[in-house]
């Protein structure tokens, strides 16, 4: 596969000649080297996107959609290659990449391929003698920054709606995990997406990412990543007042009520925190359990955590792979130490595994810590296979704990009480609530948060509004004089 930048329909080296090594987190061996995009490369990519925009935005929407549908087919045809690339580059177990990452990526492009010619304007009733129609127009050149935890899937979440709406793209995948995004660019080239419509510039955040955020010819920036970086992007965007869409950190509460189906809650809660090694902004990283059920729940939950099979992500039997980088492994282990320093009880995990075959990798054992709601590890996003446990007495206390952090992205609750479920869903401060489930996503359902989890939404009709702007057109059909000017 290509490891160079993709600008104006061609792969080319960086203007600065820099390279970035891409490492396999299973053993920290080098997979390959990619070209490092710098500010000059971003500028070239923006120029290419600007040149392509008039024709792409005016293309028959169904023709744009057809290209996205062809891309979805190509992704499925090349599924095994993408599965292997994603597993090798990120540490995702192949079983997850095969069941989730690749199918979700194809489904997203297919959904928005169908959306391209179905996102409508409207005709509001106005004064007699006038027709007013409101149409949605693409915003122009869009800068997109994709994180390292789900690079393939998030590439589709960013690209598909923007392209369906008629925008052109300059996308920066994370320097840690750029390989599947570059492969998607190759497939776009193969299915006939015109040159300049999509440009891929892997690079570092402080160079390529910063230039995207400040670039005067970029009309919108869409970012998924940390809250701290999100703030810097907002500041950089002020130069031309570009639109900003942010999907940031999370500290998801996962509440288990006294009437919960405990077996289902245990399995669902393990999925909520241990899938993808806990490297998910929506992870259910705070277990909030009714005091009458905590012993029963933890007995099963800790046993399940200890049974998870760690190993080579390319092994179909592996249930949990390594964290995506050595630096992130060190961050998660740091929080394990913080938990102990604050008096938390480590119920299981809290360290790297001591198996020789995993020693070179970026592994952390599934970790369960009993902690107070105000502890650092209960407030800050750890972003790993690390979950805190606290108890509550009644619904009001559970809600107070759930809302007692600065984030508001994902949340979950387990109960058989329908009235309670809807009341809690109404009152939890979060962009998404799962009831008797967790981490269910679909291209048709909006995804995003509130508070320091950001603003704007991915997916569904909501994201089409993010990538378009309304234009109001007034037509004087038979009005004798404009309103309010009668003599």
Protein backbone atom coordinates (compact mmCIF):
# COMPACT_ATOMS: atom_id res chain seq x y z
CA UNK A 1 0.00 0.00 0.00
CA UNK A 2 1.01 3.64 -0.44
CA UNK A 3 2.68 5.43 2.48
CA UNK A 4 2.95 8.88 0.90
CA UNK A 5 0.62 11.85 1.13
CA UNK A 6 -2.48 11.82 -1.08
CA UNK A 7 -2.97 15.25 -2.67
CA UNK A 8 -4.97 16.14 -5.78
CA UNK A 9 -5.53 12.51 -6.70
CA UNK A 10 -1.88 11.46 -6.51
CA UNK A 11 0.44 9.99 -3.91
CA UNK A 12 3.51 12.13 -3.33
CA UNK A 13 6.24 12.58 -0.71
CA UNK A 14 6.19 15.36 1.86
CA UNK A 15 7.57 18.71 0.74
CA UNK A 16 9.86 18.66 3.77
CA UNK A 17 11.04 15.11 3.14
CA UNK A 18 10.17 14.02 6.67
CA UNK A 19 9.11 10.49 7.56
CA UNK A 20 7.25 8.99 10.49
CA UNK A 21 7.80 5.38 11.62
CA UNK A 22 4.59 3.42 12.17
CA UNK A 23 4.89 0.80 14.90
CA UNK A 24 3.06 -2.44 15.66
CA UNK A 25 1.91 -2.09 19.29
CA UNK A 26 2.02 -5.86 19.80
CA UNK A 27 5.83 -5.91 19.80
CA UNK A 28 6.80 -2.31 18.93
CA UNK A 29 8.38 -3.44 15.66
CA UNK A 30 8.32 -1.06 12.71
CA UNK A 31 5.56 -1.75 10.18
CA UNK A 32 6.61 0.92 7.69
CA UNK A 33 7.48 4.58 7.33
CA UNK A 34 5.06 7.21 6.05
CA UNK A 35 5.63 10.67 4.65
CA UNK A 36 5.18 13.43 7.23
CA UNK A 37 2.86 16.23 6.13
CA UNK A 38 3.86 19.74 7.18
CA UNK A 39 2.17 23.13 6.73
CA UNK A 40 3.22 23.47 3.09
CA UNK A 41 1.62 20.11 2.29
CA UNK A 42 -1.61 21.14 3.99
CA UNK A 43 -1.62 24.30 1.89
CA UNK A 44 -1.21 22.24 -1.31
CA UNK A 45 -4.03 19.94 -0.23
CA UNK A 46 -6.34 22.87 0.52
CA UNK A 47 -5.61 24.38 -2.90
CA UNK A 48 -6.47 21.06 -4.56
CA UNK A 49 -9.71 20.82 -2.58
CA UNK A 50 -10.65 24.42 -3.46
CA UNK A 51 -10.11 23.72 -7.15
CA UNK A 52 -12.22 20.54 -7.01
CA UNK A 53 -15.07 22.07 -5.00
CA UNK A 54 -17.11 23.82 -7.72
CA UNK A 55 -17.53 20.69 -9.85
CA UNK A 56 -18.02 18.32 -6.89
CA UNK A 57 -20.57 20.52 -5.12
CA UNK A 58 -22.60 20.96 -8.33
CA UNK A 59 -22.48 17.30 -9.29
CA UNK A 60 -25.81 15.48 -9.36
CA UNK A 61 -26.18 14.38 -5.71
CA UNK A 62 -27.15 10.88 -6.80
CA UNK A 63 -23.85 10.66 -8.73
CA UNK A 64 -21.93 11.63 -5.59
CA UNK A 65 -23.89 9.04 -3.69
CA UNK A 66 -23.17 6.39 -6.31
CA UNK A 67 -19.42 6.88 -5.83
CA UNK A 68 -19.83 6.40 -2.07
CA UNK A 69 -21.83 3.24 -2.70
CA UNK A 70 -19.06 1.96 -4.98
CA UNK A 71 -16.55 2.73 -2.23
CA UNK A 72 -18.62 0.73 0.28
CA UNK A 73 -18.52 -2.22 -2.12
CA UNK A 74 -14.75 -1.84 -2.55
CA UNK A 75 -14.25 -1.82 1.21
CA UNK A 76 -16.11 -5.11 1.51
CA UNK A 77 -14.16 -6.59 -1.39
CA UNK A 78 -10.90 -5.66 0.35
CA UNK A 79 -12.12 -6.48 3.84
CA UNK A 80 -9.40 -8.97 4.80
CA UNK A 81 -6.64 -6.55 3.87
CA UNK A 82 -8.26 -3.75 5.88
CA UNK A 83 -8.83 -6.08 8.85
CA UNK A 84 -5.15 -7.04 8.91
CA UNK A 85 -3.99 -3.45 8.48
CA UNK A 86 -6.19 -2.17 11.28
CA UNK A 87 -5.23 -4.97 13.66
CA UNK A 88 -1.52 -4.57 12.97
CA UNK A 89 -1.52 -0.78 13.19
CA UNK A 90 -3.83 -0.27 16.19
CA UNK A 91 -3.83 -3.49 18.22
CA UNK A 92 -7.53 -4.15 17.58
CA UNK A 93 -8.13 -7.90 17.72
CA UNK A 94 -8.98 -9.23 14.26
CA UNK A 95 -12.21 -10.67 15.66
CA UNK A 96 -13.38 -7.11 16.41
CA UNK A 97 -12.06 -5.63 13.16
CA UNK A 98 -13.90 -8.35 11.22
CA UNK A 99 -17.20 -8.05 13.10
CA UNK A 100 -17.25 -4.30 13.75
CA UNK A 101 -14.62 -1.95 12.30
CA UNK A 102 -14.76 -2.97 8.64
CA UNK A 103 -18.52 -3.67 8.42
CA UNK A 104 -19.30 -0.39 10.20
CA UNK A 105 -17.02 1.48 7.81
CA UNK A 106 -18.74 0.06 4.74
CA UNK A 107 -22.16 0.64 6.30
CA UNK A 108 -21.37 4.28 6.98
CA UNK A 109 -20.30 5.02 3.41
CA UNK A 110 -23.35 3.12 2.15
CA UNK A 111 -25.74 5.01 4.45
CA UNK A 112 -24.50 8.42 3.37
CA UNK A 113 -24.26 7.30 -0.23
CA UNK A 114 -28.00 6.86 0.03
CA UNK A 115 -28.37 10.14 1.90
CA UNK A 116 -26.69 12.28 -0.79
CA UNK A 117 -29.86 12.87 -2.84
CA UNK A 118 -32.32 12.82 0.05
CA UNK A 119 -31.26 15.71 2.29
CA UNK A 120 -33.86 18.33 1.47
CA UNK A 121 -34.44 22.02 1.99
CA UNK A 122 -37.87 23.37 2.85
CA UNK A 123 -40.51 25.93 1.86
CA UNK A 124 -41.66 28.00 4.87
CA UNK A 125 -45.01 29.82 4.68
CA UNK A 126 -44.34 33.58 4.41
CA UNK A 127 -46.14 36.73 3.19
CA UNK A 128 -48.86 36.54 0.53
CA UNK A 129 -47.40 36.94 -2.93
CA UNK A 130 -43.97 35.64 -1.94
CA UNK A 131 -42.32 32.26 -2.18
CA UNK A 132 -39.43 31.60 0.15
CA UNK A 133 -37.34 28.47 -0.23
CA UNK A 134 -34.44 27.39 1.96
CA UNK A 135 -31.78 25.17 0.43
CA UNK A 136 -28.83 23.47 2.10
CA UNK A 137 -25.43 24.18 0.58
CA UNK A 138 -22.07 22.52 1.32
CA UNK A 139 -19.78 24.69 3.41
CA UNK A 140 -16.74 24.28 1.12
CA UNK A 141 -13.35 22.84 2.02
CA UNK A 142 -13.48 20.86 5.26
CA UNK A 143 -10.53 19.98 7.48
CA UNK A 144 -10.90 16.72 9.39
CA UNK A 145 -8.69 15.28 12.13
CA UNK A 146 -9.12 11.58 12.92
CA UNK A 147 -7.95 9.99 16.21
CA UNK A 148 -5.83 6.88 16.64
CA UNK A 149 -8.27 4.66 18.53
CA UNK A 150 -10.71 3.77 15.69
CA UNK A 151 -8.95 5.19 12.62
CA UNK A 152 -10.78 3.23 9.94
CA UNK A 153 -14.27 3.66 11.34
CA UNK A 154 -13.78 7.34 12.19
CA UNK A 155 -12.44 8.00 8.70
CA UNK A 156 -15.83 6.91 7.37
CA UNK A 157 -17.70 8.91 10.00
CA UNK A 158 -15.85 12.03 8.91
CA UNK A 159 -15.59 11.51 5.15
CA UNK A 160 -18.96 10.04 4.22
CA UNK A 161 -21.38 12.80 5.30
CA UNK A 162 -19.04 15.59 4.23
CA UNK A 163 -18.75 14.12 0.73
CA UNK A 164 -22.45 13.32 0.48
CA UNK A 165 -23.21 16.96 1.24
CA UNK A 166 -20.89 18.14 -1.54
CA UNK A 167 -17.84 19.29 0.41
CA UNK A 168 -14.21 18.60 -0.42
CA UNK A 169 -11.89 17.25 2.27
CA UNK A 170 -8.40 17.55 3.69
CA UNK A 171 -8.14 14.81 6.33
CA UNK A 172 -5.31 14.23 8.78
CA UNK A 173 -5.18 10.73 10.26
CA UNK A 174 -3.24 10.26 13.48
CA UNK A 175 0.47 9.73 12.89
CA UNK A 176 0.27 6.58 15.03
CA UNK A 177 -2.39 4.84 12.93
CA UNK A 178 -2.58 6.24 9.37
CA UNK A 179 -2.53 3.05 7.32
CA UNK A 180 -6.20 2.27 6.77
CA UNK A 181 -7.03 5.90 5.96
CA UNK A 182 -4.34 5.85 3.26
CA UNK A 183 -5.78 2.60 1.94
CA UNK A 184 -9.23 4.19 1.77
CA UNK A 185 -7.68 6.96 -0.35
CA UNK A 186 -6.37 4.31 -2.75
CA UNK A 187 -9.82 2.74 -2.99
CA UNK A 188 -11.39 6.15 -3.64
CA UNK A 189 -8.95 6.62 -6.48
CA UNK A 190 -9.92 3.21 -7.87
CA UNK A 191 -13.69 3.84 -7.78
CA UNK A 192 -13.36 7.20 -9.54
CA UNK A 193 -13.65 9.92 -6.90
CA UNK A 194 -12.33 13.01 -8.76
CA UNK A 195 -8.87 14.37 -7.99
CA UNK A 196 -8.77 16.93 -5.19
CA UNK A 197 -12.08 15.94 -3.62
CA UNK A 198 -10.29 13.97 -0.89
CA UNK A 199 -6.75 14.71 0.29
CA UNK A 200 -4.94 12.76 3.05
CA UNK A 201 -2.12 14.44 4.99
CA UNK A 202 -0.77 12.27 7.84
CA UNK A 203 1.32 14.32 10.21
CA UNK A 204 1.77 15.60 13.72
CA UNK A 205 -0.86 17.66 15.47
CA UNK A 206 1.36 20.64 16.22
CA UNK A 207 2.29 21.04 12.54
CA UNK A 208 -0.20 19.57 10.06
CA UNK A 209 -3.11 19.63 12.52
CA UNK A 210 -2.43 23.19 13.63
CA UNK A 211 -2.27 24.39 10.02
CA UNK A 212 -5.63 22.78 9.27
CA UNK A 213 -7.22 24.47 12.27
CA UNK A 214 -5.96 27.95 11.38
CA UNK A 215 -6.09 27.77 7.56
CA UNK A 216 -8.06 30.73 6.17
CA UNK A 217 -9.50 28.73 3.25
CA UNK A 218 -10.93 25.93 5.35
CA UNK A 219 -14.59 26.59 6.09
CA UNK A 220 -15.05 23.94 8.77
CA UNK A 221 -12.89 21.83 11.03
CA UNK A 222 -14.13 18.51 12.42
CA UNK A 223 -12.02 17.03 15.21
CA UNK A 224 -12.18 13.91 17.34
CA UNK A 225 -9.69 13.72 20.20
CA UNK A 226 -8.82 15.16 23.58
CA UNK A 227 -10.59 18.07 25.22
CA UNK A 228 -7.31 19.96 25.62
CA UNK A 229 -6.59 19.78 21.89
CA UNK A 230 -10.19 20.70 21.14
CA UNK A 231 -9.74 23.96 23.02
CA UNK A 232 -6.65 24.80 20.97
CA UNK A 233 -8.56 24.11 17.75
CA UNK A 234 -11.33 26.50 18.80
CA UNK A 235 -8.74 29.21 19.43
CA UNK A 236 -7.02 28.59 16.10
CA UNK A 237 -10.34 28.65 14.22
CA UNK A 238 -11.06 32.25 15.20
CA UNK A 239 -9.01 33.68 12.33
CA UNK A 240 -11.73 33.13 9.73
CA UNK A 241 -14.53 32.12 12.13
CA UNK A 242 -14.73 28.67 10.57
CA UNK A 243 -17.36 26.21 11.73
CA UNK A 244 -16.08 23.81 14.38
CA UNK A 245 -17.34 20.34 15.27
CA UNK A 246 -15.76 18.66 18.28
CA UNK A 247 -16.09 15.12 19.61
CA UNK A 248 -13.92 15.09 22.71
CA UNK A 249 -13.33 13.18 25.92
CA UNK A 250 -15.72 11.20 28.04
CA UNK A 251 -16.09 9.59 31.45
CA UNK A 252 -19.18 7.50 30.92
CA UNK A 253 -21.29 6.52 33.94
CA UNK A 254 -22.72 3.01 33.75
CA UNK A 255 -25.41 2.61 36.42
CA UNK A 256 -26.57 -0.78 37.70
CA UNK A 257 -29.84 -0.51 39.64
CA UNK A 258 -31.10 -2.97 42.22
CA UNK A 259 -33.63 -4.48 39.77
CA UNK A 260 -31.11 -4.97 36.95
CA UNK A 261 -30.61 -8.26 35.15
CA UNK A 262 -27.19 -8.78 36.70
CA UNK A 263 -25.96 -11.33 34.18
CA UNK A 264 -26.78 -9.00 31.28
CA UNK A 265 -25.33 -6.02 33.13
CA UNK A 266 -22.04 -7.82 33.76
CA UNK A 267 -21.58 -8.76 30.12
CA UNK A 268 -22.69 -5.38 28.83
CA UNK A 269 -20.52 -3.49 31.30
CA UNK A 270 -17.45 -5.53 30.34
CA UNK A 271 -18.10 -4.68 26.70
CA UNK A 272 -18.55 -1.02 27.67
CA UNK A 273 -15.05 -0.72 29.13
CA UNK A 274 -12.86 -3.51 27.78
CA UNK A 275 -13.74 -3.44 24.06
CA UNK A 276 -10.78 -1.95 22.14
CA UNK A 277 -8.75 -2.04 25.36
CA UNK A 278 -10.95 0.71 26.79
CA UNK A 279 -9.66 3.16 24.18
CA UNK A 280 -13.04 4.71 23.43
CA UNK A 281 -14.38 8.13 24.27
CA UNK A 282 -17.78 6.59 25.03
CA UNK A 283 -16.39 3.83 27.27
CA UNK A 284 -18.41 3.01 30.38
CA UNK A 285 -15.45 3.84 32.61
CA UNK A 286 -17.42 4.53 35.82
CA UNK A 287 -19.47 1.67 37.23
CA UNK A 288 -22.11 3.01 39.63
CA UNK A 289 -23.74 0.04 41.38
CA UNK A 290 -26.61 -0.15 43.85
CA UNK A 291 -25.23 -1.12 47.25
CA UNK A 292 -27.58 -4.11 47.53
CA UNK A 293 -26.22 -5.70 44.34
CA UNK A 294 -22.55 -4.69 44.36
CA UNK A 295 -21.16 -7.93 45.80
CA UNK A 296 -23.09 -10.09 43.36
CA UNK A 297 -22.15 -7.88 40.43
CA UNK A 298 -18.46 -7.62 41.24
CA UNK A 299 -18.13 -11.34 41.86
CA UNK A 300 -19.11 -12.01 38.25
CA UNK A 301 -17.55 -8.89 36.73
CA UNK A 302 -14.09 -9.39 38.20
CA UNK A 303 -14.08 -13.04 37.15
CA UNK A 304 -15.03 -12.03 33.62
CA UNK A 305 -12.29 -9.37 33.52
CA UNK A 306 -9.70 -11.90 34.65
CA UNK A 307 -10.83 -14.37 31.97
CA UNK A 308 -10.28 -12.01 29.01
CA UNK A 309 -7.67 -13.45 26.65
CA UNK A 310 -4.81 -11.02 25.96
CA UNK A 311 -2.60 -11.72 23.00
CA UNK A 312 -1.52 -11.02 19.45
CA UNK A 313 -4.33 -9.08 17.76
CA UNK A 314 -3.82 -11.17 14.61
CA UNK A 315 -4.79 -14.32 16.57
CA UNK A 316 -8.53 -14.98 16.14
CA UNK A 317 -8.66 -16.22 19.76
CA UNK A 318 -7.40 -12.90 21.18
CA UNK A 319 -10.09 -10.90 22.96
CA UNK A 320 -7.94 -7.93 24.01
CA UNK A 321 -4.90 -6.62 22.20
CA UNK A 322 -2.30 -4.06 23.26
CA UNK A 323 -2.89 -0.37 23.76
CA UNK A 324 -2.01 1.53 20.63
CA UNK A 325 1.30 3.04 21.77
CA UNK A 326 3.96 2.74 24.45
CA UNK A 327 3.24 6.29 25.56
CA UNK A 328 -0.40 5.45 26.13
CA UNK A 329 0.45 2.27 28.01
CA UNK A 330 2.59 4.38 30.35
CA UNK A 331 -0.29 6.84 30.82
CA UNK A 332 -2.73 4.10 31.81
CA UNK A 333 -0.22 2.51 34.19
CA UNK A 334 0.34 5.96 35.71
CA UNK A 335 -3.37 6.15 36.56
CA UNK A 336 -3.16 2.69 38.12
CA UNK A 337 -0.57 4.17 40.48
CA UNK A 338 -2.71 7.24 41.12
CA UNK A 339 -5.62 5.00 42.12
CA UNK A 340 -3.47 3.26 44.74
CA UNK A 341 -2.05 6.56 46.01
CA UNK A 342 -5.56 7.92 46.54
CA UNK A 343 -6.58 4.89 48.58
CA UNK A 344 -8.48 3.04 45.89
CA UNK A 345 -8.63 -0.73 46.05
CA UNK A 346 -7.41 -2.53 42.94
CA UNK A 347 -9.79 -5.48 42.64
CA UNK A 348 -7.96 -6.92 39.64
CA UNK A 349 -5.31 -5.83 37.14
CA UNK A 350 -3.50 -2.56 37.65
CA UNK A 351 -0.32 -3.62 35.86
CA UNK A 352 1.18 -4.90 32.65
CA UNK A 353 0.85 -8.67 32.19
CA UNK A 354 3.91 -10.68 33.22
CA UNK A 355 3.73 -13.18 30.36
CA UNK A 356 6.95 -13.32 28.32
CA UNK A 357 5.18 -13.35 24.96
CA UNK A 358 3.48 -10.03 25.80
CA UNK A 359 6.48 -8.27 27.32
CA UNK A 360 7.41 -6.27 24.22
CA UNK A 361 3.88 -5.03 23.65
CA UNK A 362 1.83 -2.16 25.03
CA UNK A 363 -0.43 -4.28 27.22
CA UNK A 364 -2.29 -3.42 30.42
CA UNK A 365 -4.38 -6.00 32.25
CA UNK A 366 -8.14 -5.37 32.55
CA UNK A 367 -8.28 -3.23 35.68
CA UNK A 368 -11.12 -2.76 38.17
CA UNK A 369 -10.67 -0.24 40.98
CA UNK A 370 -12.98 0.58 43.90
CA UNK A 371 -12.79 4.38 44.21
CA UNK A 372 -14.69 7.39 45.50
CA UNK A 373 -16.63 9.51 42.98
CA UNK A 374 -14.35 12.46 43.68
CA UNK A 375 -11.07 10.57 43.18
CA UNK A 376 -8.88 11.62 40.27
CA UNK A 377 -9.40 8.27 38.53
CA UNK A 378 -13.16 8.78 38.77
CA UNK A 379 -12.95 12.26 37.26
CA UNK A 380 -10.23 12.11 34.60
CA UNK A 381 -10.37 10.14 31.36
CA UNK A 382 -7.92 7.23 31.60
CA UNK A 383 -8.71 5.86 28.13
CA UNK A 384 -7.72 2.29 28.81
CA UNK A 385 -9.05 -1.01 30.19
CA UNK A 386 -9.60 0.72 33.53
CA UNK A 387 -12.94 1.05 35.31
CA UNK A 388 -13.79 2.59 38.67
CA UNK A 389 -16.52 1.17 40.91
CA UNK A 390 -18.63 3.11 43.38
CA UNK A 391 -21.96 2.42 45.06
CA UNK A 392 -25.19 4.35 45.59
CA UNK A 393 -28.26 4.08 47.83
CA UNK A 394 -31.05 5.65 45.75
CA UNK A 395 -31.80 7.13 42.35
CA UNK A 396 -30.95 10.69 43.35
CA UNK A 397 -27.49 9.68 44.50
CA UNK A 398 -26.91 7.67 41.33
CA UNK A 399 -27.85 10.68 39.21
CA UNK A 400 -25.62 13.00 41.22
CA UNK A 401 -22.65 10.66 40.74
CA UNK A 402 -23.41 10.26 37.03
CA UNK A 403 -23.51 14.03 36.52
CA UNK A 404 -20.57 14.73 38.81
CA UNK A 405 -17.92 15.05 36.08
CA UNK A 406 -17.10 17.68 33.47
CA UNK A 407 -17.80 15.35 30.55
CA UNK A 408 -21.12 14.41 28.95
CA UNK A 409 -20.72 11.95 26.10
CA UNK A 410 -21.92 8.36 26.64
CA UNK A 411 -23.83 6.89 29.58
CA UNK A 412 -25.68 3.70 30.41
CA UNK A 413 -28.14 2.26 32.89
CA UNK A 414 -29.44 -1.19 33.72
CA UNK A 415 -32.96 -1.50 35.13
CA UNK A 416 -36.28 -3.23 34.53
CA UNK A 417 -38.23 -0.16 35.69
CA UNK A 418 -39.48 1.62 32.56
CA UNK A 419 -40.40 4.85 34.32
CA UNK A 420 -37.02 5.07 36.04
CA UNK A 421 -35.23 4.35 32.77
CA UNK A 422 -36.87 7.25 30.96
CA UNK A 423 -36.46 9.67 33.87
CA UNK A 424 -32.77 8.87 34.19
CA UNK A 425 -32.29 9.15 30.42
CA UNK A 426 -33.91 12.59 30.59
CA UNK A 427 -31.81 13.82 33.52
CA UNK A 428 -28.36 12.39 32.78
CA UNK A 429 -26.08 15.09 31.38
CA UNK A 430 -24.91 13.29 28.24
CA UNK A 431 -25.34 13.28 24.50
CA UNK A 432 -26.14 9.55 24.44
CA UNK A 433 -27.84 7.18 26.87
CA UNK A 434 -28.02 3.40 26.52
CA UNK A 435 -30.68 1.50 28.48
CA UNK A 436 -29.90 -2.16 29.18
CA UNK A 437 -27.11 -1.97 26.59
CA UNK A 438 -23.96 0.04 25.94
CA UNK A 439 -21.91 1.34 22.98
CA UNK A 440 -24.52 0.61 20.32
CA UNK A 441 -23.98 2.92 17.32
CA UNK A 442 -25.57 3.22 13.89
CA UNK A 443 -25.03 5.60 10.94
CA UNK A 444 -28.60 6.84 11.30
CA UNK A 445 -28.30 7.86 14.96
CA UNK A 446 -26.55 11.09 16.02
CA UNK A 447 -23.33 10.66 18.02
CA UNK A 448 -21.83 13.41 20.18
CA UNK A 449 -21.70 15.03 23.57
CA UNK A 450 -22.25 18.05 25.77
CA UNK A 451 -20.10 19.94 28.25
CA UNK A 452 -16.39 19.26 27.86
CA UNK A 453 -17.20 16.35 25.56
CA UNK A 454 -17.65 18.87 22.77
CA UNK A 455 -20.43 19.98 20.44
CA UNK A 456 -21.86 19.04 17.08
CA UNK A 457 -22.87 15.56 16.02
CA UNK A 458 -21.59 12.74 13.88
CA UNK A 459 -23.97 10.62 11.80
CA UNK A 460 -27.67 10.73 11.03
CA UNK A 461 -29.48 13.72 9.55
CA UNK A 462 -27.86 15.83 12.27
CA UNK A 463 -24.39 15.52 10.73
CA UNK A 464 -25.69 16.62 7.33
CA UNK A 465 -26.65 19.89 9.01
CA UNK A 466 -23.10 20.11 10.36
CA UNK A 467 -21.67 19.90 6.83
CA UNK A 468 -24.14 22.26 5.16
CA UNK A 469 -25.43 25.79 5.65
CA UNK A 470 -28.89 27.16 4.88
CA UNK A 471 -29.53 29.72 2.16
CA UNK A 472 -32.86 31.55 2.16
CA UNK A 473 -34.14 32.64 -1.28
CA UNK A 474 -37.09 35.07 -1.61
CA UNK A 475 -39.19 35.29 -4.79
CA UNK A 476 -41.75 38.07 -5.33
CA UNK A 477 -44.41 36.21 -7.30
CA UNK A 478 -47.37 38.59 -7.29
CA UNK A 479 -47.04 40.90 -4.30
CA UNK A 480 -47.92 44.48 -5.31
CA UNK A 481 -45.30 46.03 -3.04
CA UNK A 482 -42.78 44.60 -0.60
CA UNK A 483 -44.26 44.12 2.89
CA UNK A 484 -44.04 47.03 5.35
CA UNK A 485 -43.56 49.67 2.63
CA UNK A 486 -47.16 50.45 1.77
CA UNK A 487 -47.99 54.16 1.44
